[in-house]
Amino acid sequence: MIVIPAVDIYQGKTVRMEQGRESKILFSLENPFDVAFYWYKKGAKALHVIDLQGAIVGDEESLPIIEKIIKNIPIPVEVGGGIRTIEKIEKILSFGAWRVIFSSLLKENKDFLRNLRLQFGEKIIPSIDVMGNSVVIKGWKENISWNEVIDKIEYAGFREVIFTDVSRDGTLQGINVKLIRNVLENTNFYLWIAGGISSTMDIEKLKEINGDYGNRIKGVIVGRALYEGKIDLGEFIC
């Protein structure tokens, strides 16, 4: 189970938002490339880069920065945010991305998603972003039912998903153990966990949960807790 630093990009800066809300920007750093390079030098094995501007506004202004990160930092980089067309997936993969994260495309029908997986294979990964009893898409502004999303992802044949507890994202509230166990109990997915990670204790809890479910938690995506020094990335570098 690896720890992956999150680099969220908005208006040309690295930002941390609470629950993805523009009105709740907790802090911003001037140069996303420098931030990404910092985590690489600290020993990160991969990077989780999210184009928040693409997710919220729908433009591609962050793509040159993302391309620079992918092409100049020699570790795997996964990219999400505003992924709403096949063309955009192809563009980001052409930069050399490890994989592309999508959630808004979950609104499409099951056969579209199956064909998407057949076309791109492990170069794409769905993200289940949960708020309350619904899955949220399009910058977390639209809802889809949980059961519909699970049915579509299973039909399409995806084995791995990113699971984000949006209600805790950027809050340092800690993980929702009950919710994570519920997902593992009721699906066969391998998970990458995000949202609410606040301390080393949360990661230790996830390791414990992982042991109960056949090591189906593959990694943890951490943002605010790393930036505020509540978690030392070096503790999790093998």
C-alpha atoms as a PDB file:
ATOM      1  CA  MET A   1       0.000   0.000   0.000  1.00  0.00           C
ATOM      2  CA  ILE A   2       1.700   3.184  -1.192  1.00  0.00           C
ATOM      3  CA  VAL A   3       1.163   6.837  -0.280  1.00  0.00           C
ATOM      4  CA  ILE A   4       0.731   9.189  -3.238  1.00  0.00           C
ATOM      5  CA  PRO A   5       0.949  12.986  -2.851  1.00  0.00           C
ATOM      6  CA  ALA A   6      -1.870  14.999  -4.430  1.00  0.00           C
ATOM      7  CA  VAL A   7      -1.093  18.072  -6.542  1.00  0.00           C
ATOM      8  CA  ASP A   8      -4.308  19.996  -7.277  1.00  0.00           C
ATOM      9  CA  ILE A   9      -4.027  22.760  -9.891  1.00  0.00           C
ATOM     10  CA  TYR A  10      -6.330  25.774 -10.104  1.00  0.00           C
ATOM     11  CA  GLN A  11      -5.668  29.077 -11.877  1.00  0.00           C
ATOM     12  CA  GLY A  12      -2.035  28.133 -12.406  1.00  0.00           C
ATOM     13  CA  LYS A  13      -1.343  27.377  -8.737  1.00  0.00           C
ATOM     14  CA  THR A  14      -1.262  24.354  -6.473  1.00  0.00           C
ATOM     15  CA  VAL A  15      -4.245  24.672  -4.138  1.00  0.00           C
ATOM     16  CA  ARG A  16      -6.014  22.744  -1.434  1.00  0.00           C
ATOM     17  CA  MET A  17      -9.778  23.147  -1.333  1.00  0.00           C
ATOM     18  CA  GLU A  18     -12.134  21.876   1.322  1.00  0.00           C
ATOM     19  CA  GLN A  19     -14.703  19.547  -0.256  1.00  0.00           C
ATOM     20  CA  GLY A  20     -13.725  20.855  -3.696  1.00  0.00           C
ATOM     21  CA  ARG A  21     -15.305  24.251  -3.091  1.00  0.00           C
ATOM     22  CA  GLU A  22     -13.793  27.337  -4.718  1.00  0.00           C
ATOM     23  CA  SER A  23     -14.993  29.364  -1.743  1.00  0.00           C
ATOM     24  CA  LYS A  24     -12.899  27.204   0.603  1.00  0.00           C
ATOM     25  CA  ILE A  25      -9.356  27.443  -0.744  1.00  0.00           C
ATOM     26  CA  LEU A  26      -7.208  26.577   2.261  1.00  0.00           C
ATOM     27  CA  PHE A  27      -3.894  27.617   0.721  1.00  0.00           C
ATOM     28  CA  SER A  28      -2.175  28.073  -2.643  1.00  0.00           C
ATOM     29  CA  LEU A  29       1.413  27.642  -3.825  1.00  0.00           C
ATOM     30  CA  GLU A  30       2.736  29.481  -6.854  1.00  0.00           C
ATOM     31  CA  ASN A  31       4.365  26.836  -9.054  1.00  0.00           C
ATOM     32  CA  PRO A  32       2.733  23.389  -9.434  1.00  0.00           C
ATOM     33  CA  PHE A  33       5.793  21.990 -11.208  1.00  0.00           C
ATOM     34  CA  ASP A  34       8.020  22.943  -8.275  1.00  0.00           C
ATOM     35  CA  VAL A  35       5.532  21.346  -5.875  1.00  0.00           C
ATOM     36  CA  ALA A  36       5.432  18.128  -7.892  1.00  0.00           C
ATOM     37  CA  PHE A  37       9.227  18.084  -8.123  1.00  0.00           C
ATOM     38  CA  TYR A  38       9.465  18.608  -4.353  1.00  0.00           C
ATOM     39  CA  TRP A  39       7.402  15.477  -3.700  1.00  0.00           C
ATOM     40  CA  TYR A  40       9.508  13.541  -6.193  1.00  0.00           C
ATOM     41  CA  LYS A  41      12.685  14.590  -4.369  1.00  0.00           C
ATOM     42  CA  LYS A  42      11.059  13.590  -1.059  1.00  0.00           C
ATOM     43  CA  GLY A  43      10.755  10.061  -2.417  1.00  0.00           C
ATOM     44  CA  ALA A  44       7.227   9.880  -3.853  1.00  0.00           C
ATOM     45  CA  LYS A  45       6.732   6.771  -5.987  1.00  0.00           C
ATOM     46  CA  ALA A  46       3.909   8.387  -7.988  1.00  0.00           C
ATOM     47  CA  LEU A  47       1.930  11.634  -8.200  1.00  0.00           C
ATOM     48  CA  HIS A  48      -1.812  12.302  -8.250  1.00  0.00           C
ATOM     49  CA  VAL A  49      -2.342  15.477 -10.311  1.00  0.00           C
ATOM     50  CA  ILE A  50      -5.833  16.961 -10.500  1.00  0.00           C
ATOM     51  CA  ASP A  51      -6.869  19.777 -12.823  1.00  0.00           C
ATOM     52  CA  LEU A  52      -9.399  21.443 -10.533  1.00  0.00           C
ATOM     53  CA  GLN A  53      -9.854  24.268 -12.998  1.00  0.00           C
ATOM     54  CA  GLY A  54     -10.734  21.751 -15.689  1.00  0.00           C
ATOM     55  CA  ALA A  55     -13.173  20.054 -13.325  1.00  0.00           C
ATOM     56  CA  ILE A  56     -14.847  23.263 -12.163  1.00  0.00           C
ATOM     57  CA  VAL A  57     -14.616  25.549 -15.214  1.00  0.00           C
ATOM     58  CA  GLY A  58     -14.186  22.990 -17.979  1.00  0.00           C
ATOM     59  CA  ASP A  59     -11.204  24.584 -19.754  1.00  0.00           C
ATOM     60  CA  GLU A  60      -7.736  23.200 -20.547  1.00  0.00           C
ATOM     61  CA  GLU A  61      -5.556  26.018 -19.211  1.00  0.00           C
ATOM     62  CA  SER A  62      -3.767  23.684 -16.790  1.00  0.00           C
ATOM     63  CA  LEU A  63      -2.707  21.175 -19.443  1.00  0.00           C
ATOM     64  CA  PRO A  64       0.661  22.794 -20.305  1.00  0.00           C
ATOM     65  CA  ILE A  65       1.644  22.623 -16.614  1.00  0.00           C
ATOM     66  CA  ILE A  66       0.470  19.027 -16.394  1.00  0.00           C
ATOM     67  CA  GLU A  67       2.388  18.112 -19.541  1.00  0.00           C
ATOM     68  CA  LYS A  68       5.553  19.656 -18.069  1.00  0.00           C
ATOM     69  CA  ILE A  69       5.149  17.651 -14.859  1.00  0.00           C
ATOM     70  CA  ILE A  70       4.632  14.373 -16.721  1.00  0.00           C
ATOM     71  CA  LYS A  71       7.516  14.876 -19.139  1.00  0.00           C
ATOM     72  CA  ASN A  72      10.080  16.124 -16.625  1.00  0.00           C
ATOM     73  CA  ILE A  73       9.454  14.179 -13.419  1.00  0.00           C
ATOM     74  CA  PRO A  74      10.521  10.531 -13.798  1.00  0.00           C
ATOM     75  CA  ILE A  75       7.831   8.814 -11.733  1.00  0.00           C
ATOM     76  CA  PRO A  76       4.311   7.702 -12.732  1.00  0.00           C
ATOM     77  CA  VAL A  77       1.791  10.558 -12.852  1.00  0.00           C
ATOM     78  CA  GLU A  78      -1.957   9.971 -12.853  1.00  0.00           C
ATOM     79  CA  VAL A  79      -4.136  12.849 -14.021  1.00  0.00           C
ATOM     80  CA  GLY A  80      -7.783  13.694 -13.438  1.00  0.00           C
ATOM     81  CA  GLY A  81     -10.152  16.649 -13.438  1.00  0.00           C
ATOM     82  CA  GLY A  82     -12.403  17.687 -16.305  1.00  0.00           C
ATOM     83  CA  ILE A  83     -12.027  14.388 -18.176  1.00  0.00           C
ATOM     84  CA  ARG A  84     -15.246  14.393 -20.212  1.00  0.00           C
ATOM     85  CA  THR A  85     -14.195  13.244 -23.697  1.00  0.00           C
ATOM     86  CA  ILE A  86     -12.171  10.453 -25.265  1.00  0.00           C
ATOM     87  CA  GLU A  87     -10.101  13.114 -27.013  1.00  0.00           C
ATOM     88  CA  LYS A  88      -8.953  14.554 -23.689  1.00  0.00           C
ATOM     89  CA  ILE A  89      -7.993  11.110 -22.421  1.00  0.00           C
ATOM     90  CA  GLU A  90      -5.917  10.590 -25.554  1.00  0.00           C
ATOM     91  CA  LYS A  91      -4.275  13.993 -25.218  1.00  0.00           C
ATOM     92  CA  ILE A  92      -3.170  13.410 -21.610  1.00  0.00           C
ATOM     93  CA  LEU A  93      -1.956   9.897 -22.374  1.00  0.00           C
ATOM     94  CA  SER A  94       0.067  11.333 -25.265  1.00  0.00           C
ATOM     95  CA  PHE A  95       2.003  13.366 -22.662  1.00  0.00           C
ATOM     96  CA  GLY A  96       3.101  10.069 -21.106  1.00  0.00           C
ATOM     97  CA  ALA A  97       0.713   9.925 -18.137  1.00  0.00           C
ATOM     98  CA  TRP A  98       0.640   6.734 -16.087  1.00  0.00           C
ATOM     99  CA  ARG A  99      -3.153   6.757 -16.289  1.00  0.00           C
ATOM    100  CA  VAL A 100      -6.137   9.089 -16.606  1.00  0.00           C
ATOM    101  CA  ILE A 101      -8.777   9.360 -13.879  1.00  0.00           C
ATOM    102  CA  PHE A 102     -12.398   9.936 -14.864  1.00  0.00           C
ATOM    103  CA  SER A 103     -15.682  10.381 -13.037  1.00  0.00           C
ATOM    104  CA  SER A 104     -17.971  12.538 -15.204  1.00  0.00           C
ATOM    105  CA  LEU A 105     -17.983   9.861 -17.925  1.00  0.00           C
ATOM    106  CA  LEU A 106     -19.727   7.566 -15.432  1.00  0.00           C
ATOM    107  CA  LYS A 107     -22.949   9.224 -16.549  1.00  0.00           C
ATOM    108  CA  GLU A 108     -22.587   7.462 -19.920  1.00  0.00           C
ATOM    109  CA  ASN A 109     -24.203   4.082 -20.581  1.00  0.00           C
ATOM    110  CA  LYS A 110     -22.662   0.754 -19.632  1.00  0.00           C
ATOM    111  CA  ASP A 111     -21.616  -0.201 -23.148  1.00  0.00           C
ATOM    112  CA  PHE A 112     -19.809   3.112 -23.634  1.00  0.00           C
ATOM    113  CA  LEU A 113     -17.841   2.479 -20.445  1.00  0.00           C
ATOM    114  CA  ARG A 114     -17.081  -1.101 -21.436  1.00  0.00           C
ATOM    115  CA  ASN A 115     -15.770   0.059 -24.810  1.00  0.00           C
ATOM    116  CA  LEU A 116     -13.753   2.752 -23.036  1.00  0.00           C
ATOM    117  CA  ARG A 117     -12.058   0.106 -20.914  1.00  0.00           C
ATOM    118  CA  LEU A 118     -11.436  -2.101 -23.942  1.00  0.00           C
ATOM    119  CA  GLN A 119      -9.868   0.848 -25.762  1.00  0.00           C
ATOM    120  CA  PHE A 120      -7.616   2.112 -22.973  1.00  0.00           C
ATOM    121  CA  GLY A 121      -7.260  -0.804 -20.551  1.00  0.00           C
ATOM    122  CA  GLU A 122      -5.290   0.017 -17.405  1.00  0.00           C
ATOM    123  CA  LYS A 123      -4.406   3.473 -18.737  1.00  0.00           C
ATOM    124  CA  ILE A 124      -7.693   4.755 -17.299  1.00  0.00           C
ATOM    125  CA  ILE A 125      -9.291   4.390 -13.872  1.00  0.00           C
ATOM    126  CA  PRO A 126     -12.766   5.420 -12.661  1.00  0.00           C
ATOM    127  CA  SER A 127     -13.081   7.593  -9.581  1.00  0.00           C
ATOM    128  CA  ILE A 128     -16.059   7.105  -7.289  1.00  0.00           C
ATOM    129  CA  ASP A 129     -16.480  10.446  -5.524  1.00  0.00           C
ATOM    130  CA  VAL A 130     -19.061  10.016  -2.768  1.00  0.00           C
ATOM    131  CA  MET A 131     -21.071  12.738  -1.038  1.00  0.00           C
ATOM    132  CA  GLY A 132     -23.751  11.382   1.271  1.00  0.00           C
ATOM    133  CA  ASN A 133     -25.600   8.587  -0.522  1.00  0.00           C
ATOM    134  CA  SER A 134     -24.714   9.772  -4.023  1.00  0.00           C
ATOM    135  CA  VAL A 135     -21.760   9.738  -6.369  1.00  0.00           C
ATOM    136  CA  VAL A 136     -20.893  13.258  -7.535  1.00  0.00           C
ATOM    137  CA  ILE A 137     -19.469  14.275 -10.921  1.00  0.00           C
ATOM    138  CA  LYS A 138     -18.626  17.396 -12.963  1.00  0.00           C
ATOM    139  CA  GLY A 139     -16.649  19.166 -10.284  1.00  0.00           C
ATOM    140  CA  TRP A 140     -18.828  17.490  -7.647  1.00  0.00           C
ATOM    141  CA  LYS A 141     -21.878  19.491  -8.801  1.00  0.00           C
ATOM    142  CA  GLU A 142     -24.066  16.713 -10.240  1.00  0.00           C
ATOM    143  CA  ASN A 143     -25.233  13.460  -8.671  1.00  0.00           C
ATOM    144  CA  ILE A 144     -25.568   9.861  -9.829  1.00  0.00           C
ATOM    145  CA  SER A 145     -26.912   7.048  -7.689  1.00  0.00           C
ATOM    146  CA  TRP A 146     -24.413   4.778  -5.962  1.00  0.00           C
ATOM    147  CA  ASN A 147     -26.031   1.573  -7.249  1.00  0.00           C
ATOM    148  CA  GLU A 148     -26.040   2.825 -10.840  1.00  0.00           C
ATOM    149  CA  VAL A 149     -22.344   3.665 -10.729  1.00  0.00           C
ATOM    150  CA  ILE A 150     -21.324   0.348  -9.171  1.00  0.00           C
ATOM    151  CA  ASP A 151     -23.399  -1.542 -11.740  1.00  0.00           C
ATOM    152  CA  LYS A 152     -21.784   0.354 -14.627  1.00  0.00           C
ATOM    153  CA  ILE A 153     -18.222  -0.070 -13.381  1.00  0.00           C
ATOM    154  CA  GLU A 154     -18.708  -3.787 -12.757  1.00  0.00           C
ATOM    155  CA  TYR A 155     -20.312  -4.303 -16.173  1.00  0.00           C
ATOM    156  CA  ALA A 156     -17.484  -2.400 -17.878  1.00  0.00           C
ATOM    157  CA  GLY A 157     -14.966  -4.700 -16.217  1.00  0.00           C
ATOM    158  CA  PHE A 158     -12.850  -2.242 -14.244  1.00  0.00           C
ATOM    159  CA  ARG A 159     -10.968  -3.884 -11.382  1.00  0.00           C
ATOM    160  CA  GLU A 160      -9.440  -0.812  -9.717  1.00  0.00           C
ATOM    161  CA  VAL A 161     -11.157   2.415  -8.664  1.00  0.00           C
ATOM    162  CA  ILE A 162     -10.219   5.556  -6.807  1.00  0.00           C
ATOM    163  CA  PHE A 163     -12.612   6.077  -3.907  1.00  0.00           C
ATOM    164  CA  THR A 164     -12.926   9.616  -2.548  1.00  0.00           C
ATOM    165  CA  ASP A 165     -15.014  10.605   0.457  1.00  0.00           C
ATOM    166  CA  VAL A 166     -15.827  14.117  -0.772  1.00  0.00           C
ATOM    167  CA  SER A 167     -17.470  15.152   2.489  1.00  0.00           C
ATOM    168  CA  ARG A 168     -14.070  14.758   4.199  1.00  0.00           C
ATOM    169  CA  ASP A 169     -11.799  15.912   1.382  1.00  0.00           C
ATOM    170  CA  GLY A 170      -9.454  18.640   2.592  1.00  0.00           C
ATOM    171  CA  THR A 171     -10.951  18.615   6.097  1.00  0.00           C
ATOM    172  CA  LEU A 172      -8.429  16.505   8.073  1.00  0.00           C
ATOM    173  CA  GLN A 173     -11.418  14.796   9.733  1.00  0.00           C
ATOM    174  CA  GLY A 174      -9.925  11.343   9.377  1.00  0.00           C
ATOM    175  CA  ILE A 175     -11.146   8.449   7.298  1.00  0.00           C
ATOM    176  CA  ASN A 176     -14.648   7.006   7.444  1.00  0.00           C
ATOM    177  CA  VAL A 177     -13.782   3.446   8.441  1.00  0.00           C
ATOM    178  CA  LYS A 178     -17.374   2.218   8.219  1.00  0.00           C
ATOM    179  CA  LEU A 179     -17.819   3.564   4.686  1.00  0.00           C
ATOM    180  CA  ILE A 180     -14.554   2.088   3.416  1.00  0.00           C
ATOM    181  CA  ARG A 181     -15.336  -1.301   4.934  1.00  0.00           C
ATOM    182  CA  ASN A 182     -18.795  -1.144   3.359  1.00  0.00           C
ATOM    183  CA  VAL A 183     -17.325  -0.542  -0.096  1.00  0.00           C
ATOM    184  CA  LEU A 184     -14.870  -3.420   0.293  1.00  0.00           C
ATOM    185  CA  GLU A 185     -17.613  -5.674   1.657  1.00  0.00           C
ATOM    186  CA  ASN A 186     -20.073  -4.997  -1.168  1.00  0.00           C
ATOM    187  CA  THR A 187     -17.801  -4.791  -4.219  1.00  0.00           C
ATOM    188  CA  ASN A 188     -14.848  -6.707  -5.601  1.00  0.00           C
ATOM    189  CA  PHE A 189     -12.852  -3.591  -6.493  1.00  0.00           C
ATOM    190  CA  TYR A 190      -9.275  -2.834  -5.573  1.00  0.00           C
ATOM    191  CA  LEU A 191      -9.289   0.656  -4.036  1.00  0.00           C
ATOM    192  CA  TRP A 192      -7.132   3.764  -3.939  1.00  0.00           C
ATOM    193  CA  ILE A 193      -8.418   5.772  -0.967  1.00  0.00           C
ATOM    194  CA  ALA A 194      -8.687   9.569  -0.802  1.00  0.00           C
ATOM    195  CA  GLY A 195     -10.489  12.094   1.365  1.00  0.00           C
ATOM    196  CA  GLY A 196     -10.013  13.003   5.008  1.00  0.00           C
ATOM    197  CA  ILE A 197      -6.583  11.463   5.608  1.00  0.00           C
ATOM    198  CA  SER A 198      -5.340  13.407   8.630  1.00  0.00           C
ATOM    199  CA  SER A 199      -2.460  11.522  10.227  1.00  0.00           C
ATOM    200  CA  THR A 200      -0.256   8.458  10.234  1.00  0.00           C
ATOM    201  CA  MET A 201      -2.931   6.847  12.398  1.00  0.00           C
ATOM    202  CA  ASP A 202      -5.387   6.956   9.478  1.00  0.00           C
ATOM    203  CA  ILE A 203      -2.905   5.150   7.272  1.00  0.00           C
ATOM    204  CA  GLU A 204      -2.352   2.543   9.981  1.00  0.00           C
ATOM    205  CA  LYS A 205      -6.143   2.056  10.181  1.00  0.00           C
ATOM    206  CA  LEU A 206      -6.223   1.505   6.422  1.00  0.00           C
ATOM    207  CA  LYS A 207      -3.457  -1.076   6.709  1.00  0.00           C
ATOM    208  CA  GLU A 208      -5.543  -2.897   9.319  1.00  0.00           C
ATOM    209  CA  ILE A 209      -8.632  -2.774   7.094  1.00  0.00           C
ATOM    210  CA  ASN A 210      -6.509  -3.929   4.174  1.00  0.00           C
ATOM    211  CA  GLY A 211      -5.520  -7.059   6.038  1.00  0.00           C
ATOM    212  CA  ASP A 212      -9.179  -7.904   6.612  1.00  0.00           C
ATOM    213  CA  TYR A 213     -10.043  -7.686   2.907  1.00  0.00           C
ATOM    214  CA  GLY A 214      -7.271  -9.488   1.085  1.00  0.00           C
ATOM    215  CA  ASN A 215      -5.028  -6.445   0.579  1.00  0.00           C
ATOM    216  CA  ARG A 216      -7.509  -4.809  -1.787  1.00  0.00           C
ATOM    217  CA  ILE A 217      -6.469  -1.277  -0.773  1.00  0.00           C
ATOM    218  CA  LYS A 218      -3.634  -0.548  -3.181  1.00  0.00           C
ATOM    219  CA  GLY A 219      -2.739   2.923  -2.003  1.00  0.00           C
ATOM    220  CA  VAL A 220      -3.649   6.168  -0.290  1.00  0.00           C
ATOM    221  CA  ILE A 221      -3.835   9.603  -1.908  1.00  0.00           C
ATOM    222  CA  VAL A 222      -2.908  12.342   0.547  1.00  0.00           C
ATOM    223  CA  GLY A 223      -3.116  16.104   0.187  1.00  0.00           C
ATOM    224  CA  ARG A 224      -3.525  18.519   3.065  1.00  0.00           C
ATOM    225  CA  ALA A 225      -1.984  16.272   5.725  1.00  0.00           C
ATOM    226  CA  LEU A 226       1.258  16.098   3.726  1.00  0.00           C
ATOM    227  CA  TYR A 227       1.350  19.818   2.994  1.00  0.00           C
ATOM    228  CA  GLU A 228       0.777  20.702   6.652  1.00  0.00           C
ATOM    229  CA  GLY A 229       3.370  18.223   7.913  1.00  0.00           C
ATOM    230  CA  LYS A 230       0.897  15.975   9.720  1.00  0.00           C
ATOM    231  CA  ILE A 231       2.228  13.022   7.720  1.00  0.00           C
ATOM    232  CA  ASP A 232       5.877  12.514   6.822  1.00  0.00           C
ATOM    233  CA  LEU A 233       6.087  10.963   3.365  1.00  0.00           C
ATOM    234  CA  GLY A 234       9.500   9.562   4.261  1.00  0.00           C
ATOM    235  CA  GLU A 235       7.897   7.172   6.759  1.00  0.00           C
ATOM    236  CA  PHE A 236       6.165   5.373   3.893  1.00  0.00           C
ATOM    237  CA  ILE A 237       9.006   5.122   1.396  1.00  0.00           C
ATOM    238  CA  CYS A 238      10.243   1.561   1.015  1.00  0.00           C
END
